[in-house]
Amino acid sequence: MNATDENTGEERSSAVNDIHPRFAEALRELGLDEVIGRVRRFPDTARTTAEAAAAIDCEPSQICKSLFFAADGVPVLVLLDGSAHVGMELVRRELGAQKITRAGAHLVRESTGYGTGAVPPFGHRTKTRVLVDRSLLGHDTVWTSAGTPYTVFPMDPKSLIAHADGTLVDVREPIV
């Protein structure tokens, strides 16, 4: 049974069944069993930064966006704060790729095992290169997908980067 958090209106996860099984297994494999109890399940979908921030009652910049790309056809996940826009040219240069495109839903699911709008930072079906924008380090805690459009979990950014085996980069589009 889920308990509703009266302050934010979202449901707190109390059972492994509330999160994606692949993600729950990844948490166990990483020794992060305690994170399972911190997963929050929303009554409605939270596929966008705005939806997730409103449901959690946090700033959009505290939401960790998961953006999936194909760099010369190779999948890559970019994590950055929810208020930022990714600089495609910055990502391309960081990877040394000739061409970078947004990955289609098929490539996202085939590579990660999750649908678009629900990709967590780790626990993917295949080894995925992960770039993490430095903007996430500006927060003590960020919230990111737990593998479904209804679930998120909190983690400090340094731990998130380490568990995602991410490379810290600057790919946030400059504010002009």
N, C-alpha and C. Protein backbone atom coordinates (compact mmCIF):
# COMPACT_ATOMS: atom_id res chain seq x y z
N MET A 1 0.84 -1.18 0.00
CA MET A 1 0.00 0.00 0.00
C MET A 1 0.88 1.24 0.00
N ASN A 2 0.48 2.27 -0.70
CA ASN A 2 1.24 3.51 -0.76
C ASN A 2 0.68 4.51 0.23
N ALA A 3 1.58 5.28 0.80
CA ALA A 3 1.17 6.36 1.68
C ALA A 3 1.34 7.66 0.92
N THR A 4 0.36 8.55 1.00
CA THR A 4 0.46 9.83 0.31
C THR A 4 1.17 10.83 1.19
N ASP A 5 2.11 11.56 0.63
CA ASP A 5 2.81 12.61 1.34
C ASP A 5 1.91 13.83 1.32
N GLU A 6 1.43 14.24 2.49
CA GLU A 6 0.47 15.33 2.57
C GLU A 6 1.04 16.66 2.10
N ASN A 7 2.35 16.83 2.16
CA ASN A 7 2.95 18.10 1.77
C ASN A 7 3.00 18.28 0.26
N THR A 8 3.13 17.20 -0.49
CA THR A 8 3.32 17.34 -1.93
C THR A 8 2.26 16.66 -2.76
N GLY A 9 1.45 15.81 -2.17
CA GLY A 9 0.39 15.16 -2.92
C GLY A 9 0.82 13.92 -3.68
N GLU A 10 2.12 13.63 -3.74
CA GLU A 10 2.53 12.43 -4.45
C GLU A 10 2.53 11.26 -3.49
N GLU A 11 2.51 10.08 -4.07
CA GLU A 11 2.52 8.89 -3.25
C GLU A 11 3.95 8.44 -3.02
N ARG A 12 4.23 8.01 -1.81
CA ARG A 12 5.54 7.44 -1.52
C ARG A 12 5.50 5.97 -1.81
N SER A 13 6.51 5.49 -2.46
CA SER A 13 6.58 4.08 -2.79
C SER A 13 6.86 3.27 -1.54
N SER A 14 6.16 2.20 -1.36
CA SER A 14 6.43 1.33 -0.22
C SER A 14 6.68 -0.10 -0.66
N ALA A 15 6.65 -0.35 -1.95
CA ALA A 15 6.85 -1.70 -2.44
C ALA A 15 7.66 -1.67 -3.72
N VAL A 16 8.44 -2.71 -3.92
CA VAL A 16 9.25 -2.83 -5.12
C VAL A 16 8.36 -2.79 -6.36
N ASN A 17 7.12 -3.24 -6.25
CA ASN A 17 6.21 -3.28 -7.40
C ASN A 17 5.90 -1.91 -7.96
N ASP A 18 6.17 -0.83 -7.20
CA ASP A 18 5.88 0.51 -7.67
C ASP A 18 6.90 1.02 -8.67
N ILE A 19 8.07 0.39 -8.76
CA ILE A 19 9.09 0.88 -9.67
C ILE A 19 9.38 -0.17 -10.74
N HIS A 20 10.01 0.26 -11.78
CA HIS A 20 10.34 -0.63 -12.89
C HIS A 20 11.23 -1.75 -12.37
N PRO A 21 10.92 -3.01 -12.68
CA PRO A 21 11.71 -4.14 -12.16
C PRO A 21 13.19 -4.08 -12.55
N ARG A 22 13.49 -3.64 -13.75
CA ARG A 22 14.89 -3.53 -14.18
C ARG A 22 15.63 -2.52 -13.31
N PHE A 23 14.95 -1.42 -12.99
CA PHE A 23 15.59 -0.39 -12.17
C PHE A 23 15.76 -0.87 -10.73
N ALA A 24 14.76 -1.56 -10.20
CA ALA A 24 14.89 -2.12 -8.84
C ALA A 24 16.08 -3.07 -8.76
N GLU A 25 16.24 -3.90 -9.79
CA GLU A 25 17.37 -4.83 -9.83
C GLU A 25 18.69 -4.08 -9.91
N ALA A 26 18.74 -3.03 -10.71
CA ALA A 26 19.97 -2.22 -10.82
C ALA A 26 20.33 -1.60 -9.46
N LEU A 27 19.33 -1.12 -8.75
CA LEU A 27 19.59 -0.55 -7.42
C LEU A 27 20.20 -1.60 -6.49
N ARG A 28 19.63 -2.80 -6.52
CA ARG A 28 20.16 -3.88 -5.68
C ARG A 28 21.60 -4.21 -6.06
N GLU A 29 21.86 -4.32 -7.36
CA GLU A 29 23.21 -4.66 -7.83
C GLU A 29 24.23 -3.60 -7.44
N LEU A 30 23.80 -2.36 -7.35
CA LEU A 30 24.70 -1.26 -6.96
C LEU A 30 24.78 -1.08 -5.44
N GLY A 31 24.06 -1.93 -4.70
CA GLY A 31 24.05 -1.80 -3.25
C GLY A 31 23.23 -0.62 -2.76
N LEU A 32 22.24 -0.22 -3.55
CA LEU A 32 21.41 0.94 -3.24
C LEU A 32 19.98 0.54 -2.86
N ASP A 33 19.85 -0.56 -2.15
CA ASP A 33 18.51 -1.04 -1.77
C ASP A 33 17.68 0.03 -1.06
N GLU A 34 18.34 0.88 -0.27
CA GLU A 34 17.61 1.91 0.49
C GLU A 34 16.93 2.92 -0.41
N VAL A 35 17.41 3.07 -1.64
CA VAL A 35 16.80 4.02 -2.57
C VAL A 35 15.40 3.55 -2.95
N ILE A 36 15.17 2.26 -2.98
CA ILE A 36 13.85 1.73 -3.34
C ILE A 36 12.78 2.35 -2.45
N GLY A 37 13.06 2.51 -1.17
CA GLY A 37 12.10 3.11 -0.25
C GLY A 37 11.91 4.60 -0.42
N ARG A 38 12.80 5.25 -1.18
CA ARG A 38 12.69 6.69 -1.41
C ARG A 38 12.06 7.03 -2.76
N VAL A 39 11.76 6.00 -3.54
CA VAL A 39 11.11 6.24 -4.83
C VAL A 39 9.71 6.79 -4.57
N ARG A 40 9.35 7.82 -5.31
CA ARG A 40 8.02 8.42 -5.19
C ARG A 40 7.22 8.09 -6.45
N ARG A 41 6.00 7.67 -6.23
CA ARG A 41 5.10 7.36 -7.34
C ARG A 41 4.02 8.42 -7.37
N PHE A 42 3.86 9.03 -8.55
CA PHE A 42 2.84 10.06 -8.74
C PHE A 42 1.55 9.44 -9.21
N PRO A 43 0.42 10.01 -8.81
CA PRO A 43 -0.86 9.49 -9.30
C PRO A 43 -1.01 9.71 -10.80
N ASP A 44 -0.40 10.75 -11.33
CA ASP A 44 -0.44 11.04 -12.76
C ASP A 44 0.98 11.02 -13.31
N THR A 45 1.09 10.91 -14.62
CA THR A 45 2.39 10.88 -15.28
C THR A 45 3.21 12.13 -14.97
N ALA A 46 4.52 11.97 -14.93
CA ALA A 46 5.43 13.09 -14.73
C ALA A 46 6.54 12.99 -15.78
N ARG A 47 6.16 13.07 -17.04
CA ARG A 47 7.12 12.91 -18.14
C ARG A 47 7.93 14.17 -18.40
N THR A 48 7.45 15.33 -17.97
CA THR A 48 8.17 16.57 -18.25
C THR A 48 8.76 17.13 -16.96
N THR A 49 9.71 18.02 -17.14
CA THR A 49 10.33 18.70 -16.00
C THR A 49 9.28 19.45 -15.20
N ALA A 50 8.41 20.16 -15.88
CA ALA A 50 7.39 20.95 -15.19
C ALA A 50 6.46 20.06 -14.37
N GLU A 51 6.03 18.94 -14.96
CA GLU A 51 5.14 18.02 -14.24
C GLU A 51 5.82 17.45 -13.00
N ALA A 52 7.07 17.02 -13.15
CA ALA A 52 7.79 16.43 -12.02
C ALA A 52 8.05 17.46 -10.93
N ALA A 53 8.50 18.66 -11.30
CA ALA A 53 8.79 19.71 -10.31
C ALA A 53 7.53 20.10 -9.55
N ALA A 54 6.41 20.21 -10.25
CA ALA A 54 5.16 20.57 -9.59
C ALA A 54 4.73 19.47 -8.62
N ALA A 55 4.87 18.23 -9.03
CA ALA A 55 4.46 17.11 -8.17
C ALA A 55 5.34 16.97 -6.93
N ILE A 56 6.63 17.26 -7.07
CA ILE A 56 7.56 17.14 -5.94
C ILE A 56 7.59 18.41 -5.11
N ASP A 57 7.17 19.51 -5.71
CA ASP A 57 7.24 20.84 -5.09
C ASP A 57 8.70 21.26 -4.92
N CYS A 58 9.41 21.21 -6.04
CA CYS A 58 10.80 21.66 -6.05
C CYS A 58 11.01 22.57 -7.26
N GLU A 59 12.19 23.13 -7.34
CA GLU A 59 12.55 23.96 -8.49
C GLU A 59 12.79 23.07 -9.71
N PRO A 60 12.45 23.53 -10.90
CA PRO A 60 12.72 22.74 -12.11
C PRO A 60 14.20 22.36 -12.25
N SER A 61 15.10 23.21 -11.76
CA SER A 61 16.53 22.90 -11.87
C SER A 61 16.93 21.71 -11.00
N GLN A 62 16.07 21.29 -10.06
CA GLN A 62 16.36 20.14 -9.21
C GLN A 62 15.92 18.82 -9.86
N ILE A 63 15.27 18.93 -11.01
CA ILE A 63 14.89 17.75 -11.78
C ILE A 63 16.05 17.42 -12.70
N CYS A 64 16.47 16.19 -12.70
CA CYS A 64 17.55 15.74 -13.59
C CYS A 64 16.91 15.23 -14.87
N LYS A 65 17.10 16.00 -15.95
CA LYS A 65 16.57 15.58 -17.25
C LYS A 65 17.47 14.49 -17.83
N SER A 66 16.84 13.50 -18.43
CA SER A 66 17.55 12.43 -19.15
C SER A 66 17.22 12.58 -20.62
N LEU A 67 18.22 13.00 -21.40
CA LEU A 67 18.02 13.20 -22.83
C LEU A 67 18.87 12.18 -23.59
N PHE A 68 18.24 11.50 -24.52
CA PHE A 68 18.90 10.41 -25.22
C PHE A 68 19.20 10.82 -26.66
N PHE A 69 20.45 10.59 -27.07
CA PHE A 69 20.91 10.97 -28.40
C PHE A 69 21.59 9.79 -29.08
N ALA A 70 21.80 9.96 -30.38
CA ALA A 70 22.62 9.03 -31.15
C ALA A 70 23.78 9.86 -31.70
N ALA A 71 25.00 9.49 -31.32
CA ALA A 71 26.20 10.17 -31.80
C ALA A 71 26.86 9.25 -32.81
N ASP A 72 26.78 9.63 -34.08
CA ASP A 72 27.24 8.75 -35.16
C ASP A 72 26.60 7.38 -35.04
N GLY A 73 25.32 7.37 -34.64
CA GLY A 73 24.55 6.14 -34.51
C GLY A 73 24.70 5.42 -33.18
N VAL A 74 25.62 5.88 -32.32
CA VAL A 74 25.87 5.23 -31.03
C VAL A 74 25.05 5.93 -29.94
N PRO A 75 24.30 5.18 -29.13
CA PRO A 75 23.48 5.80 -28.09
C PRO A 75 24.31 6.50 -27.02
N VAL A 76 23.82 7.64 -26.56
CA VAL A 76 24.45 8.37 -25.45
C VAL A 76 23.34 9.06 -24.66
N LEU A 77 23.48 9.03 -23.35
CA LEU A 77 22.53 9.67 -22.45
C LEU A 77 23.17 10.92 -21.89
N VAL A 78 22.43 12.03 -21.93
CA VAL A 78 22.90 13.28 -21.36
C VAL A 78 21.98 13.64 -20.19
N LEU A 79 22.58 13.87 -19.03
CA LEU A 79 21.84 14.28 -17.84
C LEU A 79 22.16 15.75 -17.56
N LEU A 80 21.11 16.55 -17.34
CA LEU A 80 21.34 17.94 -16.97
C LEU A 80 20.16 18.46 -16.19
N ASP A 81 20.36 19.63 -15.57
CA ASP A 81 19.30 20.14 -14.71
C ASP A 81 18.10 20.55 -15.56
N GLY A 82 16.93 20.43 -14.94
CA GLY A 82 15.67 20.61 -15.65
C GLY A 82 15.43 21.98 -16.21
N SER A 83 16.13 22.99 -15.73
CA SER A 83 15.93 24.34 -16.26
C SER A 83 16.85 24.63 -17.43
N ALA A 84 17.75 23.71 -17.74
CA ALA A 84 18.76 23.94 -18.78
C ALA A 84 18.31 23.40 -20.14
N HIS A 85 18.92 23.94 -21.16
CA HIS A 85 18.76 23.42 -22.52
C HIS A 85 20.11 22.85 -22.93
N VAL A 86 20.09 21.68 -23.55
CA VAL A 86 21.33 21.06 -23.98
C VAL A 86 21.82 21.72 -25.27
N GLY A 87 23.12 21.93 -25.33
CA GLY A 87 23.74 22.44 -26.54
C GLY A 87 24.17 21.26 -27.40
N MET A 88 23.43 21.00 -28.47
CA MET A 88 23.72 19.85 -29.32
C MET A 88 25.14 19.89 -29.87
N GLU A 89 25.59 21.08 -30.26
CA GLU A 89 26.94 21.21 -30.79
C GLU A 89 27.97 20.93 -29.69
N LEU A 90 27.67 21.33 -28.45
CA LEU A 90 28.57 21.04 -27.33
C LEU A 90 28.67 19.54 -27.09
N VAL A 91 27.54 18.84 -27.19
CA VAL A 91 27.54 17.38 -27.02
C VAL A 91 28.34 16.74 -28.15
N ARG A 92 28.09 17.18 -29.38
CA ARG A 92 28.80 16.63 -30.54
C ARG A 92 30.31 16.78 -30.37
N ARG A 93 30.74 17.98 -29.97
CA ARG A 93 32.18 18.22 -29.78
C ARG A 93 32.74 17.38 -28.64
N GLU A 94 31.99 17.28 -27.56
CA GLU A 94 32.43 16.51 -26.38
C GLU A 94 32.67 15.05 -26.77
N LEU A 95 31.83 14.53 -27.64
CA LEU A 95 31.94 13.14 -28.05
C LEU A 95 32.87 12.93 -29.25
N GLY A 96 33.25 14.03 -29.90
CA GLY A 96 34.07 13.90 -31.10
C GLY A 96 33.31 13.25 -32.24
N ALA A 97 32.01 13.46 -32.26
CA ALA A 97 31.14 12.82 -33.26
C ALA A 97 31.00 13.70 -34.49
N GLN A 98 30.74 13.08 -35.61
CA GLN A 98 30.45 13.80 -36.84
C GLN A 98 29.02 14.33 -36.82
N LYS A 99 28.10 13.49 -36.29
CA LYS A 99 26.68 13.83 -36.32
C LYS A 99 26.02 13.41 -35.02
N ILE A 100 25.17 14.27 -34.50
CA ILE A 100 24.40 13.92 -33.31
C ILE A 100 22.93 14.25 -33.57
N THR A 101 22.07 13.30 -33.20
CA THR A 101 20.64 13.48 -33.39
C THR A 101 19.91 13.01 -32.13
N ARG A 102 18.68 13.50 -31.97
CA ARG A 102 17.84 12.97 -30.89
C ARG A 102 17.52 11.53 -31.24
N ALA A 103 17.63 10.66 -30.28
CA ALA A 103 17.33 9.24 -30.51
C ALA A 103 15.82 9.04 -30.59
N GLY A 104 15.41 8.16 -31.46
CA GLY A 104 14.00 7.81 -31.57
C GLY A 104 13.59 6.87 -30.46
N ALA A 105 12.30 6.72 -30.29
CA ALA A 105 11.76 5.88 -29.21
C ALA A 105 12.27 4.45 -29.29
N HIS A 106 12.43 3.93 -30.49
CA HIS A 106 12.90 2.55 -30.65
C HIS A 106 14.31 2.39 -30.11
N LEU A 107 15.21 3.31 -30.47
CA LEU A 107 16.59 3.23 -29.99
C LEU A 107 16.66 3.41 -28.47
N VAL A 108 15.85 4.30 -27.93
CA VAL A 108 15.82 4.50 -26.48
C VAL A 108 15.43 3.20 -25.78
N ARG A 109 14.34 2.60 -26.20
CA ARG A 109 13.87 1.37 -25.55
C ARG A 109 14.83 0.21 -25.79
N GLU A 110 15.35 0.09 -27.00
CA GLU A 110 16.28 -0.99 -27.32
C GLU A 110 17.56 -0.89 -26.48
N SER A 111 18.07 0.32 -26.28
CA SER A 111 19.32 0.52 -25.56
C SER A 111 19.16 0.48 -24.05
N THR A 112 18.05 1.04 -23.57
CA THR A 112 17.90 1.19 -22.12
C THR A 112 16.92 0.22 -21.49
N GLY A 113 15.91 -0.20 -22.24
CA GLY A 113 14.85 -1.02 -21.68
C GLY A 113 13.73 -0.18 -21.10
N TYR A 114 13.80 1.14 -21.28
CA TYR A 114 12.79 2.06 -20.75
C TYR A 114 12.23 2.89 -21.89
N GLY A 115 11.03 3.43 -21.68
CA GLY A 115 10.42 4.30 -22.67
C GLY A 115 10.94 5.72 -22.57
N THR A 116 10.72 6.50 -23.62
CA THR A 116 11.12 7.90 -23.59
C THR A 116 10.35 8.61 -22.47
N GLY A 117 11.00 9.54 -21.83
CA GLY A 117 10.39 10.25 -20.72
C GLY A 117 10.46 9.49 -19.41
N ALA A 118 11.13 8.33 -19.41
CA ALA A 118 11.20 7.52 -18.19
C ALA A 118 12.57 6.87 -18.00
N VAL A 119 13.59 7.38 -18.68
CA VAL A 119 14.91 6.76 -18.63
C VAL A 119 15.65 7.19 -17.36
N PRO A 120 15.98 6.23 -16.50
CA PRO A 120 16.77 6.56 -15.30
C PRO A 120 18.25 6.73 -15.67
N PRO A 121 19.05 7.25 -14.76
CA PRO A 121 20.47 7.49 -15.08
C PRO A 121 21.32 6.23 -15.16
N PHE A 122 20.83 5.11 -14.64
CA PHE A 122 21.56 3.83 -14.69
C PHE A 122 20.55 2.70 -14.68
N GLY A 123 21.05 1.46 -14.85
CA GLY A 123 20.15 0.31 -14.90
C GLY A 123 19.64 0.04 -16.29
N HIS A 124 20.43 0.36 -17.29
CA HIS A 124 20.02 0.19 -18.68
C HIS A 124 20.27 -1.23 -19.18
N ARG A 125 19.55 -1.61 -20.21
CA ARG A 125 19.68 -2.93 -20.83
C ARG A 125 21.09 -3.14 -21.38
N THR A 126 21.67 -2.10 -21.98
CA THR A 126 23.02 -2.18 -22.53
C THR A 126 23.88 -1.09 -21.89
N LYS A 127 25.18 -1.26 -21.96
CA LYS A 127 26.11 -0.25 -21.44
C LYS A 127 25.93 1.01 -22.28
N THR A 128 25.57 2.09 -21.64
CA THR A 128 25.28 3.34 -22.32
C THR A 128 26.25 4.41 -21.83
N ARG A 129 26.85 5.13 -22.76
CA ARG A 129 27.72 6.24 -22.38
C ARG A 129 26.84 7.34 -21.79
N VAL A 130 27.28 7.91 -20.64
CA VAL A 130 26.51 8.92 -19.95
C VAL A 130 27.36 10.18 -19.78
N LEU A 131 26.84 11.30 -20.26
CA LEU A 131 27.45 12.60 -20.03
C LEU A 131 26.57 13.34 -19.03
N VAL A 132 27.21 13.95 -18.04
CA VAL A 132 26.46 14.66 -17.00
C VAL A 132 26.91 16.11 -16.98
N ASP A 133 25.97 17.01 -17.22
CA ASP A 133 26.31 18.42 -17.20
C ASP A 133 26.60 18.89 -15.77
N ARG A 134 27.61 19.70 -15.68
CA ARG A 134 28.08 20.24 -14.40
C ARG A 134 26.98 20.98 -13.63
N SER A 135 25.94 21.42 -14.32
CA SER A 135 24.85 22.17 -13.68
C SER A 135 24.19 21.39 -12.55
N LEU A 136 24.22 20.06 -12.62
CA LEU A 136 23.60 19.26 -11.55
C LEU A 136 24.31 19.43 -10.22
N LEU A 137 25.59 19.78 -10.25
CA LEU A 137 26.36 19.92 -9.00
C LEU A 137 25.93 21.12 -8.17
N GLY A 138 25.09 21.97 -8.71
CA GLY A 138 24.62 23.15 -7.99
C GLY A 138 23.54 22.84 -6.97
N HIS A 139 23.21 21.58 -6.79
CA HIS A 139 22.13 21.18 -5.86
C HIS A 139 22.62 20.12 -4.90
N ASP A 140 22.06 20.12 -3.70
CA ASP A 140 22.37 19.06 -2.74
C ASP A 140 21.70 17.76 -3.13
N THR A 141 20.48 17.88 -3.69
CA THR A 141 19.70 16.72 -4.10
C THR A 141 19.03 17.03 -5.43
N VAL A 142 19.01 16.03 -6.30
CA VAL A 142 18.25 16.14 -7.54
C VAL A 142 17.29 14.95 -7.61
N TRP A 143 16.25 15.11 -8.39
CA TRP A 143 15.24 14.08 -8.56
C TRP A 143 15.30 13.60 -10.01
N THR A 144 15.28 12.29 -10.19
CA THR A 144 15.39 11.73 -11.53
C THR A 144 14.49 10.51 -11.68
N SER A 145 14.28 10.11 -12.90
CA SER A 145 13.36 9.01 -13.20
C SER A 145 13.79 7.69 -12.56
N ALA A 146 12.79 6.95 -12.11
CA ALA A 146 13.02 5.60 -11.58
C ALA A 146 12.52 4.55 -12.58
N GLY A 147 12.48 4.92 -13.87
CA GLY A 147 12.18 3.95 -14.90
C GLY A 147 10.76 3.92 -15.42
N THR A 148 9.88 4.75 -14.84
CA THR A 148 8.51 4.86 -15.35
C THR A 148 8.14 6.34 -15.38
N PRO A 149 7.13 6.71 -16.15
CA PRO A 149 6.70 8.12 -16.16
C PRO A 149 6.00 8.53 -14.86
N TYR A 150 5.82 7.59 -13.95
CA TYR A 150 5.13 7.86 -12.69
C TYR A 150 6.06 7.87 -11.48
N THR A 151 7.34 7.56 -11.68
CA THR A 151 8.23 7.41 -10.53
C THR A 151 9.52 8.20 -10.66
N VAL A 152 9.96 8.75 -9.52
CA VAL A 152 11.23 9.47 -9.43
C VAL A 152 11.89 9.10 -8.10
N PHE A 153 13.17 9.41 -8.01
CA PHE A 153 13.87 9.19 -6.74
C PHE A 153 14.88 10.32 -6.54
N PRO A 154 15.19 10.61 -5.26
CA PRO A 154 16.18 11.65 -4.97
C PRO A 154 17.57 11.06 -4.78
N MET A 155 18.58 11.82 -5.17
CA MET A 155 19.96 11.40 -4.94
C MET A 155 20.85 12.63 -5.01
N ASP A 156 21.94 12.61 -4.26
CA ASP A 156 22.87 13.72 -4.37
C ASP A 156 23.59 13.57 -5.71
N PRO A 157 23.90 14.68 -6.37
CA PRO A 157 24.45 14.63 -7.72
C PRO A 157 25.77 13.85 -7.83
N LYS A 158 26.65 13.96 -6.87
CA LYS A 158 27.93 13.25 -6.97
C LYS A 158 27.71 11.74 -6.96
N SER A 159 26.79 11.25 -6.13
CA SER A 159 26.48 9.82 -6.12
C SER A 159 25.82 9.41 -7.43
N LEU A 160 24.94 10.24 -7.93
CA LEU A 160 24.26 9.95 -9.18
C LEU A 160 25.28 9.80 -10.31
N ILE A 161 26.23 10.72 -10.38
CA ILE A 161 27.26 10.68 -11.42
C ILE A 161 28.09 9.40 -11.28
N ALA A 162 28.47 9.07 -10.05
CA ALA A 162 29.29 7.87 -9.83
C ALA A 162 28.54 6.60 -10.23
N HIS A 163 27.29 6.47 -9.81
CA HIS A 163 26.52 5.25 -10.11
C HIS A 163 26.16 5.15 -11.59
N ALA A 164 26.03 6.28 -12.26
CA ALA A 164 25.74 6.27 -13.70
C ALA A 164 27.02 6.09 -14.51
N ASP A 165 28.15 6.07 -13.84
CA ASP A 165 29.45 6.02 -14.51
C ASP A 165 29.53 7.14 -15.54
N GLY A 166 29.05 8.32 -15.09
CA GLY A 166 28.96 9.47 -15.98
C GLY A 166 30.25 10.26 -16.07
N THR A 167 30.40 10.94 -17.16
CA THR A 167 31.51 11.85 -17.39
C THR A 167 30.99 13.26 -17.20
N LEU A 168 31.62 14.02 -16.31
CA LEU A 168 31.21 15.39 -16.03
C LEU A 168 31.65 16.30 -17.18
N VAL A 169 30.70 17.03 -17.75
CA VAL A 169 30.96 17.87 -18.92
C VAL A 169 30.19 19.18 -18.80
N ASP A 170 30.46 20.08 -19.73
CA ASP A 170 29.71 21.33 -19.85
C ASP A 170 28.99 21.32 -21.19
N VAL A 171 27.73 20.89 -21.18
CA VAL A 171 26.94 20.82 -22.42
C VAL A 171 25.65 21.62 -22.33
N ARG A 172 25.55 22.43 -21.29
CA ARG A 172 24.39 23.30 -21.12
C ARG A 172 24.55 24.46 -22.09
N GLU A 173 23.47 24.74 -22.80
CA GLU A 173 23.51 25.86 -23.73
C GLU A 173 23.63 27.16 -22.95
N PRO A 174 24.57 28.01 -23.32
CA PRO A 174 24.75 29.26 -22.59
C PRO A 174 23.52 30.14 -22.64
N ILE A 175 23.24 30.81 -21.55
CA ILE A 175 22.13 31.75 -21.48
C ILE A 175 22.60 33.07 -22.07
N VAL A 176 21.86 33.58 -23.05
CA VAL A 176 22.26 34.84 -23.70
C VAL A 176 21.28 35.93 -23.45
